[in-house]
């Protein structure tokens, strides 16, 4: 993480250890996404996102049907 070291004044030739909790959440997210991005299969990801959306629609349709049938009301 040379960019992080330079940004916060650490010597990249002498690595230091720090707790990830010390990182700002946005910085931690950026670092993690940058680290995994090269390994993401975009086709697999697109198929999975489409499948999740299909499941969301099916669940929503089920809940809507259940509500129309009078189910799902609690006392």
C-alpha atoms as a PDB file:
ATOM      1  CA  UNK A   1       0.000   0.000   0.000  1.00  0.00           C
ATOM      2  CA  UNK A   2       2.614   2.529  -1.056  1.00  0.00           C
ATOM      3  CA  UNK A   3      -0.008   5.183  -1.846  1.00  0.00           C
ATOM      4  CA  UNK A   4      -1.405   4.956   1.687  1.00  0.00           C
ATOM      5  CA  UNK A   5       2.101   5.127   3.153  1.00  0.00           C
ATOM      6  CA  UNK A   6       2.987   8.194   1.107  1.00  0.00           C
ATOM      7  CA  UNK A   7      -0.364   9.825   1.859  1.00  0.00           C
ATOM      8  CA  UNK A   8       0.110   9.502   5.607  1.00  0.00           C
ATOM      9  CA  UNK A   9       3.869  10.090   5.704  1.00  0.00           C
ATOM     10  CA  UNK A  10       5.120   6.534   6.257  1.00  0.00           C
ATOM     11  CA  UNK A  11       8.431   5.372   4.801  1.00  0.00           C
ATOM     12  CA  UNK A  12       7.514   2.747   2.174  1.00  0.00           C
ATOM     13  CA  UNK A  13      11.004   1.237   2.506  1.00  0.00           C
ATOM     14  CA  UNK A  14      10.275   0.393   6.150  1.00  0.00           C
ATOM     15  CA  UNK A  15       6.779  -1.061   6.326  1.00  0.00           C
ATOM     16  CA  UNK A  16       4.713  -0.516   9.420  1.00  0.00           C
ATOM     17  CA  UNK A  17       1.768  -2.410  10.766  1.00  0.00           C
ATOM     18  CA  UNK A  18      -1.508  -0.753  11.594  1.00  0.00           C
ATOM     19  CA  UNK A  19      -4.994  -1.822  12.520  1.00  0.00           C
ATOM     20  CA  UNK A  20      -7.532  -1.598   9.711  1.00  0.00           C
ATOM     21  CA  UNK A  21      -9.933  -0.020  12.197  1.00  0.00           C
ATOM     22  CA  UNK A  22      -7.633   2.996  12.130  1.00  0.00           C
ATOM     23  CA  UNK A  23      -8.411   3.575   8.462  1.00  0.00           C
ATOM     24  CA  UNK A  24     -11.241   5.813   7.381  1.00  0.00           C
ATOM     25  CA  UNK A  25     -14.114   3.642   6.075  1.00  0.00           C
ATOM     26  CA  UNK A  26     -13.906   5.209   2.605  1.00  0.00           C
ATOM     27  CA  UNK A  27     -10.171   4.515   2.438  1.00  0.00           C
ATOM     28  CA  UNK A  28     -10.629   0.920   3.599  1.00  0.00           C
ATOM     29  CA  UNK A  29     -13.353   0.366   0.998  1.00  0.00           C
ATOM     30  CA  UNK A  30     -11.165   1.862  -1.738  1.00  0.00           C
ATOM     31  CA  UNK A  31      -8.217  -0.336  -0.772  1.00  0.00           C
ATOM     32  CA  UNK A  32     -10.284  -3.523  -0.664  1.00  0.00           C
ATOM     33  CA  UNK A  33     -12.029  -2.814  -3.969  1.00  0.00           C
ATOM     34  CA  UNK A  34      -8.719  -1.981  -5.652  1.00  0.00           C
ATOM     35  CA  UNK A  35      -7.206  -5.224  -4.343  1.00  0.00           C
ATOM     36  CA  UNK A  36     -10.018  -7.510  -5.551  1.00  0.00           C
ATOM     37  CA  UNK A  37     -10.947  -5.707  -8.773  1.00  0.00           C
ATOM     38  CA  UNK A  38      -8.394  -7.523 -10.983  1.00  0.00           C
ATOM     39  CA  UNK A  39      -9.872 -10.871  -9.932  1.00  0.00           C
ATOM     40  CA  UNK A  40     -13.525 -10.114 -10.667  1.00  0.00           C
ATOM     41  CA  UNK A  41     -14.989 -12.007 -13.611  1.00  0.00           C
ATOM     42  CA  UNK A  42     -17.339  -9.362 -15.011  1.00  0.00           C
ATOM     43  CA  UNK A  43     -19.482 -11.904 -16.896  1.00  0.00           C
ATOM     44  CA  UNK A  44     -20.057 -13.983 -13.768  1.00  0.00           C
ATOM     45  CA  UNK A  45     -20.781 -10.836 -11.765  1.00  0.00           C
ATOM     46  CA  UNK A  46     -23.323  -9.601 -14.339  1.00  0.00           C
ATOM     47  CA  UNK A  47     -25.093 -12.983 -14.348  1.00  0.00           C
ATOM     48  CA  UNK A  48     -25.207 -13.056 -10.562  1.00  0.00           C
ATOM     49  CA  UNK A  49     -26.603  -9.528 -10.353  1.00  0.00           C
ATOM     50  CA  UNK A  50     -29.289 -10.430 -12.927  1.00  0.00           C
ATOM     51  CA  UNK A  51     -30.151 -13.582 -10.947  1.00  0.00           C
ATOM     52  CA  UNK A  52     -30.443 -11.626  -7.704  1.00  0.00           C
ATOM     53  CA  UNK A  53     -32.720  -9.083  -9.388  1.00  0.00           C
ATOM     54  CA  UNK A  54     -34.908 -11.897 -10.716  1.00  0.00           C
ATOM     55  CA  UNK A  55     -35.126 -13.377  -7.204  1.00  0.00           C
ATOM     56  CA  UNK A  56     -35.998  -9.940  -5.772  1.00  0.00           C
ATOM     57  CA  UNK A  57     -38.841  -9.545  -8.291  1.00  0.00           C
ATOM     58  CA  UNK A  58     -40.146 -13.052  -7.558  1.00  0.00           C
ATOM     59  CA  UNK A  59     -40.103 -12.395  -3.814  1.00  0.00           C
ATOM     60  CA  UNK A  60     -41.804  -9.025  -4.268  1.00  0.00           C
ATOM     61  CA  UNK A  61     -44.491 -10.633  -6.454  1.00  0.00           C
ATOM     62  CA  UNK A  62     -45.025 -13.312  -3.794  1.00  0.00           C
ATOM     63  CA  UNK A  63     -45.341 -10.747  -1.003  1.00  0.00           C
ATOM     64  CA  UNK A  64     -47.741  -8.648  -3.082  1.00  0.00           C
ATOM     65  CA  UNK A  65     -49.863 -11.742  -3.794  1.00  0.00           C
ATOM     66  CA  UNK A  66     -49.804 -12.734  -0.133  1.00  0.00           C
ATOM     67  CA  UNK A  67     -50.949  -9.268   0.903  1.00  0.00           C
ATOM     68  CA  UNK A  68     -53.774  -9.276  -1.700  1.00  0.00           C
ATOM     69  CA  UNK A  69     -54.897 -12.663  -0.387  1.00  0.00           C
ATOM     70  CA  UNK A  70     -55.190 -11.222   3.118  1.00  0.00           C
ATOM     71  CA  UNK A  71     -52.084 -12.853   4.545  1.00  0.00           C
ATOM     72  CA  UNK A  72     -49.249 -11.281   6.382  1.00  0.00           C
ATOM     73  CA  UNK A  73     -51.251  -9.114   8.745  1.00  0.00           C
ATOM     74  CA  UNK A  74     -50.218  -9.356  12.342  1.00  0.00           C
ATOM     75  CA  UNK A  75     -52.493  -8.699  15.338  1.00  0.00           C
END
